[in-house]
Amino acid sequence: MHSNSKTEIGIIGISNEVIARLAGNAATECYGVVGMAARSMRDGLVGLLRKESLSKGVRLQTGEKGDLIIDLHIIVEYGTNIAAIAQTLMSNVKYSVEETVGLKVREVNVIIEGVRV
């Protein structure tokens, strides 16, 4: 569990998997993003993840103050402006996670794993 909130009638827990899937969904909705990428450490190949495996392209870390650091591994479409895609992606993911889960996101790092023609 990453996030626990205590209420007067119990505790609400949100797992890292849920947060990662939420971030992955927000990322793939951005223009120019083909999909999330998973790197195979054994052979160094990058693969495009299916919709049900989006969380494998997301890495979560907890900052010093309990805030989130999100790393997104993505594949972009050929011929698009990578800097513009990354900026849009950062703001969309940050907004989506903060509004849905209620956690503070300190930074969103975008790692471009490939370009798809």
PDB file of N, CA and C in Angstrom:
ATOM      1  N   MET A   1       0.835  -1.192   0.000  1.00  0.00           N
ATOM      2  CA  MET A   1       0.000   0.000   0.000  1.00  0.00           C
ATOM      3  C   MET A   1       0.874   1.249   0.000  1.00  0.00           C
ATOM      4  N   HIS A   2       0.531   2.163  -0.850  1.00  0.00           N
ATOM      5  CA  HIS A   2       1.262   3.419  -0.869  1.00  0.00           C
ATOM      6  C   HIS A   2       0.539   4.489  -0.064  1.00  0.00           C
ATOM      7  N   SER A   3      -0.753   4.538  -0.211  1.00  0.00           N
ATOM      8  CA  SER A   3      -1.517   5.602   0.420  1.00  0.00           C
ATOM      9  C   SER A   3      -2.553   5.021   1.368  1.00  0.00           C
ATOM     10  N   ASN A   4      -2.559   5.514   2.579  1.00  0.00           N
ATOM     11  CA  ASN A   4      -3.568   5.136   3.557  1.00  0.00           C
ATOM     12  C   ASN A   4      -4.204   6.400   4.113  1.00  0.00           C
ATOM     13  N   SER A   5      -5.517   6.440   4.105  1.00  0.00           N
ATOM     14  CA  SER A   5      -6.251   7.554   4.692  1.00  0.00           C
ATOM     15  C   SER A   5      -7.162   7.007   5.770  1.00  0.00           C
ATOM     16  N   LYS A   6      -7.114   7.613   6.935  1.00  0.00           N
ATOM     17  CA  LYS A   6      -7.948   7.158   8.046  1.00  0.00           C
ATOM     18  C   LYS A   6      -9.171   8.061   8.134  1.00  0.00           C
ATOM     19  N   THR A   7     -10.340   7.437   8.185  1.00  0.00           N
ATOM     20  CA  THR A   7     -11.593   8.161   8.377  1.00  0.00           C
ATOM     21  C   THR A   7     -12.193   7.728   9.708  1.00  0.00           C
ATOM     22  N   GLU A   8     -13.333   8.283  10.042  1.00  0.00           N
ATOM     23  CA  GLU A   8     -13.942   7.928  11.322  1.00  0.00           C
ATOM     24  C   GLU A   8     -14.501   6.503  11.344  1.00  0.00           C
ATOM     25  N   ILE A   9     -14.708   5.911  10.166  1.00  0.00           N
ATOM     26  CA  ILE A   9     -15.254   4.542  10.151  1.00  0.00           C
ATOM     27  C   ILE A   9     -14.283   3.501   9.593  1.00  0.00           C
ATOM     28  N   GLY A  10     -13.068   3.900   9.240  1.00  0.00           N
ATOM     29  CA  GLY A  10     -12.103   2.916   8.749  1.00  0.00           C
ATOM     30  C   GLY A  10     -10.943   3.544   7.995  1.00  0.00           C
ATOM     31  N   ILE A  11     -10.183   2.681   7.333  1.00  0.00           N
ATOM     32  CA  ILE A  11      -8.992   3.104   6.593  1.00  0.00           C
ATOM     33  C   ILE A  11      -9.209   2.856   5.104  1.00  0.00           C
ATOM     34  N   ILE A  12      -8.794   3.819   4.283  1.00  0.00           N
ATOM     35  CA  ILE A  12      -8.843   3.681   2.828  1.00  0.00           C
ATOM     36  C   ILE A  12      -7.413   3.492   2.353  1.00  0.00           C
ATOM     37  N   GLY A  13      -7.132   2.374   1.701  1.00  0.00           N
ATOM     38  CA  GLY A  13      -5.798   2.085   1.190  1.00  0.00           C
ATOM     39  C   GLY A  13      -5.799   2.050  -0.331  1.00  0.00           C
ATOM     40  N   ILE A  14      -4.788   2.670  -0.939  1.00  0.00           N
ATOM     41  CA  ILE A  14      -4.647   2.670  -2.398  1.00  0.00           C
ATOM     42  C   ILE A  14      -3.293   2.062  -2.726  1.00  0.00           C
ATOM     43  N   SER A  15      -3.296   0.995  -3.516  1.00  0.00           N
ATOM     44  CA  SER A  15      -2.048   0.297  -3.835  1.00  0.00           C
ATOM     45  C   SER A  15      -1.266   1.019  -4.924  1.00  0.00           C
ATOM     46  N   ASN A  16       0.025   0.709  -4.987  1.00  0.00           N
ATOM     47  CA  ASN A  16       0.886   1.273  -6.024  1.00  0.00           C
ATOM     48  C   ASN A  16       0.422   0.870  -7.417  1.00  0.00           C
ATOM     49  N   GLU A  17      -0.119  -0.329  -7.548  1.00  0.00           N
ATOM     50  CA  GLU A  17      -0.607  -0.808  -8.841  1.00  0.00           C
ATOM     51  C   GLU A  17      -1.718   0.085  -9.382  1.00  0.00           C
ATOM     52  N   VAL A  18      -2.612   0.521  -8.517  1.00  0.00           N
ATOM     53  CA  VAL A  18      -3.713   1.398  -8.921  1.00  0.00           C
ATOM     54  C   VAL A  18      -3.174   2.751  -9.371  1.00  0.00           C
ATOM     55  N   ILE A  19      -2.236   3.291  -8.624  1.00  0.00           N
ATOM     56  CA  ILE A  19      -1.655   4.588  -8.980  1.00  0.00           C
ATOM     57  C   ILE A  19      -0.889   4.474 -10.296  1.00  0.00           C
ATOM     58  N   ALA A  20      -0.143   3.395 -10.480  1.00  0.00           N
ATOM     59  CA  ALA A  20       0.620   3.196 -11.709  1.00  0.00           C
ATOM     60  C   ALA A  20      -0.310   3.031 -12.909  1.00  0.00           C
ATOM     61  N   ARG A  21      -1.389   2.297 -12.742  1.00  0.00           N
ATOM     62  CA  ARG A  21      -2.342   2.116 -13.846  1.00  0.00           C
ATOM     63  C   ARG A  21      -3.022   3.435 -14.207  1.00  0.00           C
ATOM     64  N   LEU A  22      -3.340   4.232 -13.202  1.00  0.00           N
ATOM     65  CA  LEU A  22      -3.941   5.545 -13.435  1.00  0.00           C
ATOM     66  C   LEU A  22      -2.978   6.440 -14.217  1.00  0.00           C
ATOM     67  N   ALA A  23      -1.720   6.444 -13.825  1.00  0.00           N
ATOM     68  CA  ALA A  23      -0.708   7.237 -14.534  1.00  0.00           C
ATOM     69  C   ALA A  23      -0.515   6.736 -15.959  1.00  0.00           C
ATOM     70  N   GLY A  24      -0.512   5.423 -16.148  1.00  0.00           N
ATOM     71  CA  GLY A  24      -0.375   4.844 -17.481  1.00  0.00           C
ATOM     72  C   GLY A  24      -1.537   5.195 -18.390  1.00  0.00           C
ATOM     73  N   ASN A  25      -2.746   5.158 -17.859  1.00  0.00           N
ATOM     74  CA  ASN A  25      -3.923   5.548 -18.645  1.00  0.00           C
ATOM     75  C   ASN A  25      -3.871   7.020 -19.038  1.00  0.00           C
ATOM     76  N   ALA A  26      -3.491   7.885 -18.111  1.00  0.00           N
ATOM     77  CA  ALA A  26      -3.387   9.313 -18.403  1.00  0.00           C
ATOM     78  C   ALA A  26      -2.319   9.569 -19.460  1.00  0.00           C
ATOM     79  N   ALA A  27      -1.233   8.811 -19.403  1.00  0.00           N
ATOM     80  CA  ALA A  27      -0.144   8.991 -20.366  1.00  0.00           C
ATOM     81  C   ALA A  27      -0.560   8.585 -21.770  1.00  0.00           C
ATOM     82  N   THR A  28      -1.248   7.467 -21.903  1.00  0.00           N
ATOM     83  CA  THR A  28      -1.608   6.985 -23.238  1.00  0.00           C
ATOM     84  C   THR A  28      -2.706   7.805 -23.893  1.00  0.00           C
ATOM     85  N   GLU A  29      -3.389   8.645 -23.141  1.00  0.00           N
ATOM     86  CA  GLU A  29      -4.401   9.522 -23.716  1.00  0.00           C
ATOM     87  C   GLU A  29      -3.802  10.758 -24.373  1.00  0.00           C
ATOM     88  N   CYS A  30      -2.527  11.020 -24.163  1.00  0.00           N
ATOM     89  CA  CYS A  30      -1.881  12.207 -24.715  1.00  0.00           C
ATOM     90  C   CYS A  30      -1.566  12.018 -26.202  1.00  0.00           C
ATOM     91  N   TYR A  31      -1.717  13.079 -26.960  1.00  0.00           N
ATOM     92  CA  TYR A  31      -1.414  13.059 -28.388  1.00  0.00           C
ATOM     93  C   TYR A  31       0.070  12.766 -28.605  1.00  0.00           C
ATOM     94  N   GLY A  32       0.362  11.890 -29.542  1.00  0.00           N
ATOM     95  CA  GLY A  32       1.740  11.568 -29.881  1.00  0.00           C
ATOM     96  C   GLY A  32       2.314  10.384 -29.132  1.00  0.00           C
ATOM     97  N   VAL A  33       1.622   9.935 -28.092  1.00  0.00           N
ATOM     98  CA  VAL A  33       2.094   8.773 -27.332  1.00  0.00           C
ATOM     99  C   VAL A  33       1.466   7.522 -27.946  1.00  0.00           C
ATOM    100  N   VAL A  34       2.312   6.630 -28.456  1.00  0.00           N
ATOM    101  CA  VAL A  34       1.833   5.382 -29.048  1.00  0.00           C
ATOM    102  C   VAL A  34       1.447   4.409 -27.945  1.00  0.00           C
ATOM    103  N   GLY A  35       2.230   4.368 -26.880  1.00  0.00           N
ATOM    104  CA  GLY A  35       1.935   3.481 -25.770  1.00  0.00           C
ATOM    105  C   GLY A  35       3.042   3.482 -24.745  1.00  0.00           C
ATOM    106  N   MET A  36       2.849   2.672 -23.728  1.00  0.00           N
ATOM    107  CA  MET A  36       3.840   2.519 -22.673  1.00  0.00           C
ATOM    108  C   MET A  36       4.839   1.445 -23.102  1.00  0.00           C
ATOM    109  N   ALA A  37       6.061   1.556 -22.607  1.00  0.00           N
ATOM    110  CA  ALA A  37       7.112   0.620 -22.987  1.00  0.00           C
ATOM    111  C   ALA A  37       7.605  -0.142 -21.778  1.00  0.00           C
ATOM    112  N   ALA A  38       7.947  -1.393 -22.016  1.00  0.00           N
ATOM    113  CA  ALA A  38       8.589  -2.214 -20.990  1.00  0.00           C
ATOM    114  C   ALA A  38       9.937  -2.633 -21.537  1.00  0.00           C
ATOM    115  N   ARG A  39      10.952  -2.458 -20.761  1.00  0.00           N
ATOM    116  CA  ARG A  39      12.288  -2.835 -21.194  1.00  0.00           C
ATOM    117  C   ARG A  39      12.620  -4.218 -20.647  1.00  0.00           C
ATOM    118  N   SER A  40      13.027  -5.085 -21.529  1.00  0.00           N
ATOM    119  CA  SER A  40      13.465  -6.413 -21.131  1.00  0.00           C
ATOM    120  C   SER A  40      14.928  -6.321 -20.737  1.00  0.00           C
ATOM    121  N   MET A  41      15.202  -6.485 -19.465  1.00  0.00           N
ATOM    122  CA  MET A  41      16.566  -6.300 -18.974  1.00  0.00           C
ATOM    123  C   MET A  41      17.523  -7.375 -19.511  1.00  0.00           C
ATOM    124  N   ARG A  42      16.991  -8.533 -19.872  1.00  0.00           N
ATOM    125  CA  ARG A  42      17.829  -9.622 -20.322  1.00  0.00           C
ATOM    126  C   ARG A  42      18.472  -9.328 -21.680  1.00  0.00           C
ATOM    127  N   ASP A  43      17.686  -8.821 -22.633  1.00  0.00           N
ATOM    128  CA  ASP A  43      18.237  -8.603 -23.963  1.00  0.00           C
ATOM    129  C   ASP A  43      18.210  -7.150 -24.414  1.00  0.00           C
ATOM    130  N   GLY A  44      17.734  -6.239 -23.584  1.00  0.00           N
ATOM    131  CA  GLY A  44      17.751  -4.826 -23.910  1.00  0.00           C
ATOM    132  C   GLY A  44      16.686  -4.407 -24.913  1.00  0.00           C
ATOM    133  N   LEU A  45      15.743  -5.266 -25.217  1.00  0.00           N
ATOM    134  CA  LEU A  45      14.691  -4.936 -26.171  1.00  0.00           C
ATOM    135  C   LEU A  45      13.582  -4.146 -25.493  1.00  0.00           C
ATOM    136  N   VAL A  46      12.973  -3.254 -26.261  1.00  0.00           N
ATOM    137  CA  VAL A  46      11.861  -2.465 -25.755  1.00  0.00           C
ATOM    138  C   VAL A  46      10.599  -2.986 -26.413  1.00  0.00           C
ATOM    139  N   GLY A  47       9.572  -3.236 -25.621  1.00  0.00           N
ATOM    140  CA  GLY A  47       8.312  -3.739 -26.162  1.00  0.00           C
ATOM    141  C   GLY A  47       7.162  -2.824 -25.819  1.00  0.00           C
ATOM    142  N   LEU A  48       6.207  -2.735 -26.712  1.00  0.00           N
ATOM    143  CA  LEU A  48       4.998  -1.957 -26.497  1.00  0.00           C
ATOM    144  C   LEU A  48       4.043  -2.771 -25.641  1.00  0.00           C
ATOM    145  N   LEU A  49       3.543  -2.171 -24.579  1.00  0.00           N
ATOM    146  CA  LEU A  49       2.660  -2.878 -23.653  1.00  0.00           C
ATOM    147  C   LEU A  49       1.204  -2.792 -24.089  1.00  0.00           C
ATOM    148  N   ARG A  50       0.458  -3.838 -23.811  1.00  0.00           N
ATOM    149  CA  ARG A  50      -0.978  -3.838 -24.074  1.00  0.00           C
ATOM    150  C   ARG A  50      -1.686  -3.014 -23.009  1.00  0.00           C
ATOM    151  N   LYS A  51      -2.937  -2.706 -23.275  1.00  0.00           N
ATOM    152  CA  LYS A  51      -3.733  -1.849 -22.386  1.00  0.00           C
ATOM    153  C   LYS A  51      -3.804  -2.394 -20.961  1.00  0.00           C
ATOM    154  N   GLU A  52      -3.862  -3.700 -20.793  1.00  0.00           N
ATOM    155  CA  GLU A  52      -3.978  -4.267 -19.445  1.00  0.00           C
ATOM    156  C   GLU A  52      -2.656  -4.302 -18.691  1.00  0.00           C
ATOM    157  N   SER A  53      -1.539  -3.984 -19.348  1.00  0.00           N
ATOM    158  CA  SER A  53      -0.221  -4.035 -18.708  1.00  0.00           C
ATOM    159  C   SER A  53       0.435  -2.660 -18.594  1.00  0.00           C
ATOM    160  N   LEU A  54      -0.346  -1.602 -18.648  1.00  0.00           N
ATOM    161  CA  LEU A  54       0.215  -0.252 -18.664  1.00  0.00           C
ATOM    162  C   LEU A  54       1.068   0.064 -17.447  1.00  0.00           C
ATOM    163  N   SER A  55       0.755  -0.516 -16.318  1.00  0.00           N
ATOM    164  CA  SER A  55       1.471  -0.186 -15.091  1.00  0.00           C
ATOM    165  C   SER A  55       2.927  -0.650 -15.131  1.00  0.00           C
ATOM    166  N   LYS A  56       3.283  -1.573 -16.022  1.00  0.00           N
ATOM    167  CA  LYS A  56       4.673  -2.028 -16.116  1.00  0.00           C
ATOM    168  C   LYS A  56       5.578  -0.982 -16.741  1.00  0.00           C
ATOM    169  N   GLY A  57       5.011   0.015 -17.400  1.00  0.00           N
ATOM    170  CA  GLY A  57       5.798   1.111 -17.964  1.00  0.00           C
ATOM    171  C   GLY A  57       5.903   2.293 -17.015  1.00  0.00           C
ATOM    172  N   VAL A  58       5.426   2.119 -15.783  1.00  0.00           N
ATOM    173  CA  VAL A  58       5.425   3.197 -14.785  1.00  0.00           C
ATOM    174  C   VAL A  58       6.204   2.733 -13.567  1.00  0.00           C
ATOM    175  N   ARG A  59       7.074   3.612 -13.065  1.00  0.00           N
ATOM    176  CA  ARG A  59       7.809   3.325 -11.830  1.00  0.00           C
ATOM    177  C   ARG A  59       7.484   4.420 -10.823  1.00  0.00           C
ATOM    178  N   LEU A  60       7.096   4.014  -9.627  1.00  0.00           N
ATOM    179  CA  LEU A  60       6.742   4.962  -8.567  1.00  0.00           C
ATOM    180  C   LEU A  60       7.791   4.957  -7.472  1.00  0.00           C
ATOM    181  N   GLN A  61       8.095   6.148  -6.967  1.00  0.00           N
ATOM    182  CA  GLN A  61       8.973   6.295  -5.814  1.00  0.00           C
ATOM    183  C   GLN A  61       8.314   7.280  -4.860  1.00  0.00           C
ATOM    184  N   THR A  62       8.633   7.129  -3.600  1.00  0.00           N
ATOM    185  CA  THR A  62       8.117   8.059  -2.596  1.00  0.00           C
ATOM    186  C   THR A  62       9.220   9.045  -2.240  1.00  0.00           C
ATOM    187  N   GLY A  63       8.878  10.327  -2.290  1.00  0.00           N
ATOM    188  CA  GLY A  63       9.826  11.373  -1.935  1.00  0.00           C
ATOM    189  C   GLY A  63       9.983  11.511  -0.436  1.00  0.00           C
ATOM    190  N   GLU A  64      10.797  12.466  -0.032  1.00  0.00           N
ATOM    191  CA  GLU A  64      11.102  12.683   1.385  1.00  0.00           C
ATOM    192  C   GLU A  64       9.877  13.087   2.199  1.00  0.00           C
ATOM    193  N   LYS A  65       8.973  13.828   1.601  1.00  0.00           N
ATOM    194  CA  LYS A  65       7.806  14.331   2.318  1.00  0.00           C
ATOM    195  C   LYS A  65       6.556  13.499   2.055  1.00  0.00           C
ATOM    196  N   GLY A  66       6.725  12.284   1.529  1.00  0.00           N
ATOM    197  CA  GLY A  66       5.585  11.439   1.225  1.00  0.00           C
ATOM    198  C   GLY A  66       4.958  11.720  -0.124  1.00  0.00           C
ATOM    199  N   ASP A  67       5.572  12.622  -0.901  1.00  0.00           N
ATOM    200  CA  ASP A  67       5.055  12.914  -2.227  1.00  0.00           C
ATOM    201  C   ASP A  67       5.562  11.889  -3.238  1.00  0.00           C
ATOM    202  N   LEU A  68       4.962  11.879  -4.412  1.00  0.00           N
ATOM    203  CA  LEU A  68       5.273  10.870  -5.418  1.00  0.00           C
ATOM    204  C   LEU A  68       6.254  11.373  -6.469  1.00  0.00           C
ATOM    205  N   ILE A  69       7.100  10.459  -6.923  1.00  0.00           N
ATOM    206  CA  ILE A  69       7.944  10.679  -8.092  1.00  0.00           C
ATOM    207  C   ILE A  69       7.553   9.583  -9.071  1.00  0.00           C
ATOM    208  N   ILE A  70       7.124   9.988 -10.270  1.00  0.00           N
ATOM    209  CA  ILE A  70       6.619   9.046 -11.263  1.00  0.00           C
ATOM    210  C   ILE A  70       7.543   9.043 -12.470  1.00  0.00           C
ATOM    211  N   ASP A  71       8.020   7.854 -12.859  1.00  0.00           N
ATOM    212  CA  ASP A  71       8.811   7.677 -14.077  1.00  0.00           C
ATOM    213  C   ASP A  71       7.946   6.965 -15.097  1.00  0.00           C
ATOM    214  N   LEU A  72       7.828   7.559 -16.294  1.00  0.00           N
ATOM    215  CA  LEU A  72       7.024   6.978 -17.364  1.00  0.00           C
ATOM    216  C   LEU A  72       7.921   6.575 -18.522  1.00  0.00           C
ATOM    217  N   HIS A  73       7.847   5.334 -18.938  1.00  0.00           N
ATOM    218  CA  HIS A  73       8.599   4.832 -20.086  1.00  0.00           C
ATOM    219  C   HIS A  73       7.621   4.724 -21.242  1.00  0.00           C
ATOM    220  N   ILE A  74       7.832   5.551 -22.284  1.00  0.00           N
ATOM    221  CA  ILE A  74       6.847   5.619 -23.364  1.00  0.00           C
ATOM    222  C   ILE A  74       7.490   5.430 -24.735  1.00  0.00           C
ATOM    223  N   ILE A  75       6.628   5.167 -25.704  1.00  0.00           N
ATOM    224  CA  ILE A  75       7.008   5.135 -27.111  1.00  0.00           C
ATOM    225  C   ILE A  75       6.187   6.218 -27.799  1.00  0.00           C
ATOM    226  N   VAL A  76       6.858   7.068 -28.577  1.00  0.00           N
ATOM    227  CA  VAL A  76       6.183   8.181 -29.237  1.00  0.00           C
ATOM    228  C   VAL A  76       6.044   7.926 -30.731  1.00  0.00           C
ATOM    229  N   GLU A  77       5.159   8.691 -31.339  1.00  0.00           N
ATOM    230  CA  GLU A  77       4.901   8.593 -32.767  1.00  0.00           C
ATOM    231  C   GLU A  77       5.969   9.380 -33.537  1.00  0.00           C
ATOM    232  N   TYR A  78       6.421   8.821 -34.630  1.00  0.00           N
ATOM    233  CA  TYR A  78       7.428   9.468 -35.463  1.00  0.00           C
ATOM    234  C   TYR A  78       6.866  10.773 -36.037  1.00  0.00           C
ATOM    235  N   GLY A  79       7.698  11.803 -36.069  1.00  0.00           N
ATOM    236  CA  GLY A  79       7.319  13.078 -36.665  1.00  0.00           C
ATOM    237  C   GLY A  79       6.646  14.046 -35.718  1.00  0.00           C
ATOM    238  N   THR A  80       6.521  13.689 -34.457  1.00  0.00           N
ATOM    239  CA  THR A  80       5.900  14.593 -33.481  1.00  0.00           C
ATOM    240  C   THR A  80       6.981  15.311 -32.682  1.00  0.00           C
ATOM    241  N   ASN A  81       6.611  16.399 -32.060  1.00  0.00           N
ATOM    242  CA  ASN A  81       7.525  17.194 -31.244  1.00  0.00           C
ATOM    243  C   ASN A  81       7.645  16.537 -29.867  1.00  0.00           C
ATOM    244  N   ILE A  82       8.774  15.902 -29.616  1.00  0.00           N
ATOM    245  CA  ILE A  82       8.953  15.129 -28.379  1.00  0.00           C
ATOM    246  C   ILE A  82       8.900  16.022 -27.142  1.00  0.00           C
ATOM    247  N   ALA A  83       9.468  17.208 -27.226  1.00  0.00           N
ATOM    248  CA  ALA A  83       9.449  18.119 -26.071  1.00  0.00           C
ATOM    249  C   ALA A  83       8.023  18.532 -25.717  1.00  0.00           C
ATOM    250  N   ALA A  84       7.208  18.805 -26.722  1.00  0.00           N
ATOM    251  CA  ALA A  84       5.812  19.191 -26.474  1.00  0.00           C
ATOM    252  C   ALA A  84       5.023  18.020 -25.901  1.00  0.00           C
ATOM    253  N   ILE A  85       5.270  16.825 -26.431  1.00  0.00           N
ATOM    254  CA  ILE A  85       4.594  15.634 -25.915  1.00  0.00           C
ATOM    255  C   ILE A  85       4.954  15.420 -24.449  1.00  0.00           C
ATOM    256  N   ALA A  86       6.227  15.540 -24.118  1.00  0.00           N
ATOM    257  CA  ALA A  86       6.679  15.322 -22.742  1.00  0.00           C
ATOM    258  C   ALA A  86       6.062  16.338 -21.787  1.00  0.00           C
ATOM    259  N   GLN A  87       5.995  17.601 -22.183  1.00  0.00           N
ATOM    260  CA  GLN A  87       5.396  18.636 -21.329  1.00  0.00           C
ATOM    261  C   GLN A  87       3.920  18.354 -21.069  1.00  0.00           C
ATOM    262  N   THR A  88       3.198  18.018 -22.127  1.00  0.00           N
ATOM    263  CA  THR A  88       1.776  17.702 -21.991  1.00  0.00           C
ATOM    264  C   THR A  88       1.574  16.475 -21.115  1.00  0.00           C
ATOM    265  N   LEU A  89       2.398  15.481 -21.352  1.00  0.00           N
ATOM    266  CA  LEU A  89       2.334  14.239 -20.586  1.00  0.00           C
ATOM    267  C   LEU A  89       2.564  14.488 -19.102  1.00  0.00           C
ATOM    268  N   MET A  90       3.572  15.267 -18.773  1.00  0.00           N
ATOM    269  CA  MET A  90       3.881  15.575 -17.378  1.00  0.00           C
ATOM    270  C   MET A  90       2.701  16.238 -16.675  1.00  0.00           C
ATOM    271  N   SER A  91       2.122  17.250 -17.315  1.00  0.00           N
ATOM    272  CA  SER A  91       1.024  17.961 -16.662  1.00  0.00           C
ATOM    273  C   SER A  91      -0.234  17.103 -16.575  1.00  0.00           C
ATOM    274  N   ASN A  92      -0.542  16.306 -17.609  1.00  0.00           N
ATOM    275  CA  ASN A  92      -1.732  15.451 -17.568  1.00  0.00           C
ATOM    276  C   ASN A  92      -1.629  14.376 -16.486  1.00  0.00           C
ATOM    277  N   VAL A  93      -0.485  13.732 -16.394  1.00  0.00           N
ATOM    278  CA  VAL A  93      -0.309  12.675 -15.399  1.00  0.00           C
ATOM    279  C   VAL A  93      -0.339  13.254 -13.992  1.00  0.00           C
ATOM    280  N   LYS A  94       0.336  14.365 -13.800  1.00  0.00           N
ATOM    281  CA  LYS A  94       0.353  15.006 -12.472  1.00  0.00           C
ATOM    282  C   LYS A  94      -1.065  15.389 -12.047  1.00  0.00           C
ATOM    283  N   TYR A  95      -1.793  16.026 -12.937  1.00  0.00           N
ATOM    284  CA  TYR A  95      -3.163  16.434 -12.627  1.00  0.00           C
ATOM    285  C   TYR A  95      -4.051  15.232 -12.324  1.00  0.00           C
ATOM    286  N   SER A  96      -3.971  14.211 -13.177  1.00  0.00           N
ATOM    287  CA  SER A  96      -4.813  13.030 -13.023  1.00  0.00           C
ATOM    288  C   SER A  96      -4.570  12.319 -11.691  1.00  0.00           C
ATOM    289  N   VAL A  97      -3.319  12.119 -11.333  1.00  0.00           N
ATOM    290  CA  VAL A  97      -3.002  11.417 -10.089  1.00  0.00           C
ATOM    291  C   VAL A  97      -3.382  12.269  -8.875  1.00  0.00           C
ATOM    292  N   GLU A  98      -3.056  13.548  -8.905  1.00  0.00           N
ATOM    293  CA  GLU A  98      -3.382  14.404  -7.756  1.00  0.00           C
ATOM    294  C   GLU A  98      -4.884  14.535  -7.541  1.00  0.00           C
ATOM    295  N   GLU A  99      -5.652  14.681  -8.614  1.00  0.00           N
ATOM    296  CA  GLU A  99      -7.090  14.858  -8.478  1.00  0.00           C
ATOM    297  C   GLU A  99      -7.807  13.560  -8.110  1.00  0.00           C
ATOM    298  N   THR A 100      -7.363  12.439  -8.654  1.00  0.00           N
ATOM    299  CA  THR A 100      -8.052  11.177  -8.413  1.00  0.00           C
ATOM    300  C   THR A 100      -7.685  10.551  -7.081  1.00  0.00           C
ATOM    301  N   VAL A 101      -6.389  10.530  -6.773  1.00  0.00           N
ATOM    302  CA  VAL A 101      -5.913   9.836  -5.572  1.00  0.00           C
ATOM    303  C   VAL A 101      -5.760  10.780  -4.388  1.00  0.00           C
ATOM    304  N   GLY A 102      -5.478  12.042  -4.660  1.00  0.00           N
ATOM    305  CA  GLY A 102      -5.306  13.004  -3.582  1.00  0.00           C
ATOM    306  C   GLY A 102      -3.892  13.070  -3.034  1.00  0.00           C
ATOM    307  N   LEU A 103      -2.931  12.474  -3.745  1.00  0.00           N
ATOM    308  CA  LEU A 103      -1.529  12.537  -3.327  1.00  0.00           C
ATOM    309  C   LEU A 103      -0.802  13.646  -4.069  1.00  0.00           C
ATOM    310  N   LYS A 104       0.162  14.241  -3.422  1.00  0.00           N
ATOM    311  CA  LYS A 104       0.981  15.274  -4.044  1.00  0.00           C
ATOM    312  C   LYS A 104       2.031  14.611  -4.937  1.00  0.00           C
ATOM    313  N   VAL A 105       2.133  15.050  -6.187  1.00  0.00           N
ATOM    314  CA  VAL A 105       3.129  14.541  -7.118  1.00  0.00           C
ATOM    315  C   VAL A 105       4.235  15.590  -7.222  1.00  0.00           C
ATOM    316  N   ARG A 106       5.451  15.201  -6.814  1.00  0.00           N
ATOM    317  CA  ARG A 106       6.573  16.136  -6.851  1.00  0.00           C
ATOM    318  C   ARG A 106       7.132  16.277  -8.253  1.00  0.00           C
ATOM    319  N   GLU A 107       7.322  15.147  -8.946  1.00  0.00           N
ATOM    320  CA  GLU A 107       7.850  15.225 -10.305  1.00  0.00           C
ATOM    321  C   GLU A 107       7.385  14.043 -11.138  1.00  0.00           C
ATOM    322  N   VAL A 108       7.312  14.295 -12.433  1.00  0.00           N
ATOM    323  CA  VAL A 108       6.988  13.268 -13.420  1.00  0.00           C
ATOM    324  C   VAL A 108       8.141  13.257 -14.420  1.00  0.00           C
ATOM    325  N   ASN A 109       8.841  12.139 -14.493  1.00  0.00           N
ATOM    326  CA  ASN A 109       9.966  11.998 -15.423  1.00  0.00           C
ATOM    327  C   ASN A 109       9.526  11.165 -16.615  1.00  0.00           C
ATOM    328  N   VAL A 110       9.835  11.653 -17.818  1.00  0.00           N
ATOM    329  CA  VAL A 110       9.444  10.964 -19.039  1.00  0.00           C
ATOM    330  C   VAL A 110      10.688  10.393 -19.694  1.00  0.00           C
ATOM    331  N   ILE A 111      10.690   9.091 -19.926  1.00  0.00           N
ATOM    332  CA  ILE A 111      11.811   8.417 -20.579  1.00  0.00           C
ATOM    333  C   ILE A 111      11.276   7.893 -21.906  1.00  0.00           C
ATOM    334  N   ILE A 112      11.815   8.418 -23.012  1.00  0.00           N
ATOM    335  CA  ILE A 112      11.409   7.983 -24.345  1.00  0.00           C
ATOM    336  C   ILE A 112      12.196   6.726 -24.675  1.00  0.00           C
ATOM    337  N   GLU A 113      11.503   5.600 -24.779  1.00  0.00           N
ATOM    338  CA  GLU A 113      12.147   4.320 -25.063  1.00  0.00           C
ATOM    339  C   GLU A 113      12.208   4.004 -26.549  1.00  0.00           C
ATOM    340  N   GLY A 114      11.404   4.690 -27.334  1.00  0.00           N
ATOM    341  CA  GLY A 114      11.423   4.402 -28.765  1.00  0.00           C
ATOM    342  C   GLY A 114      10.514   5.336 -29.532  1.00  0.00           C
ATOM    343  N   VAL A 115      10.689   5.298 -30.869  1.00  0.00           N
ATOM    344  CA  VAL A 115       9.869   6.058 -31.789  1.00  0.00           C
ATOM    345  C   VAL A 115       9.267   5.063 -32.764  1.00  0.00           C
ATOM    346  N   ARG A 116       7.961   5.173 -32.967  1.00  0.00           N
ATOM    347  CA  ARG A 116       7.276   4.229 -33.856  1.00  0.00           C
ATOM    348  C   ARG A 116       6.833   4.948 -35.119  1.00  0.00           C
ATOM    349  N   VAL A 117       7.169   4.354 -36.247  1.00  0.00           N
ATOM    350  CA  VAL A 117       6.818   4.944 -37.546  1.00  0.00           C
ATOM    351  C   VAL A 117       5.430   4.512 -37.944  1.00  0.00           C
TER     352      VAL A 117
END
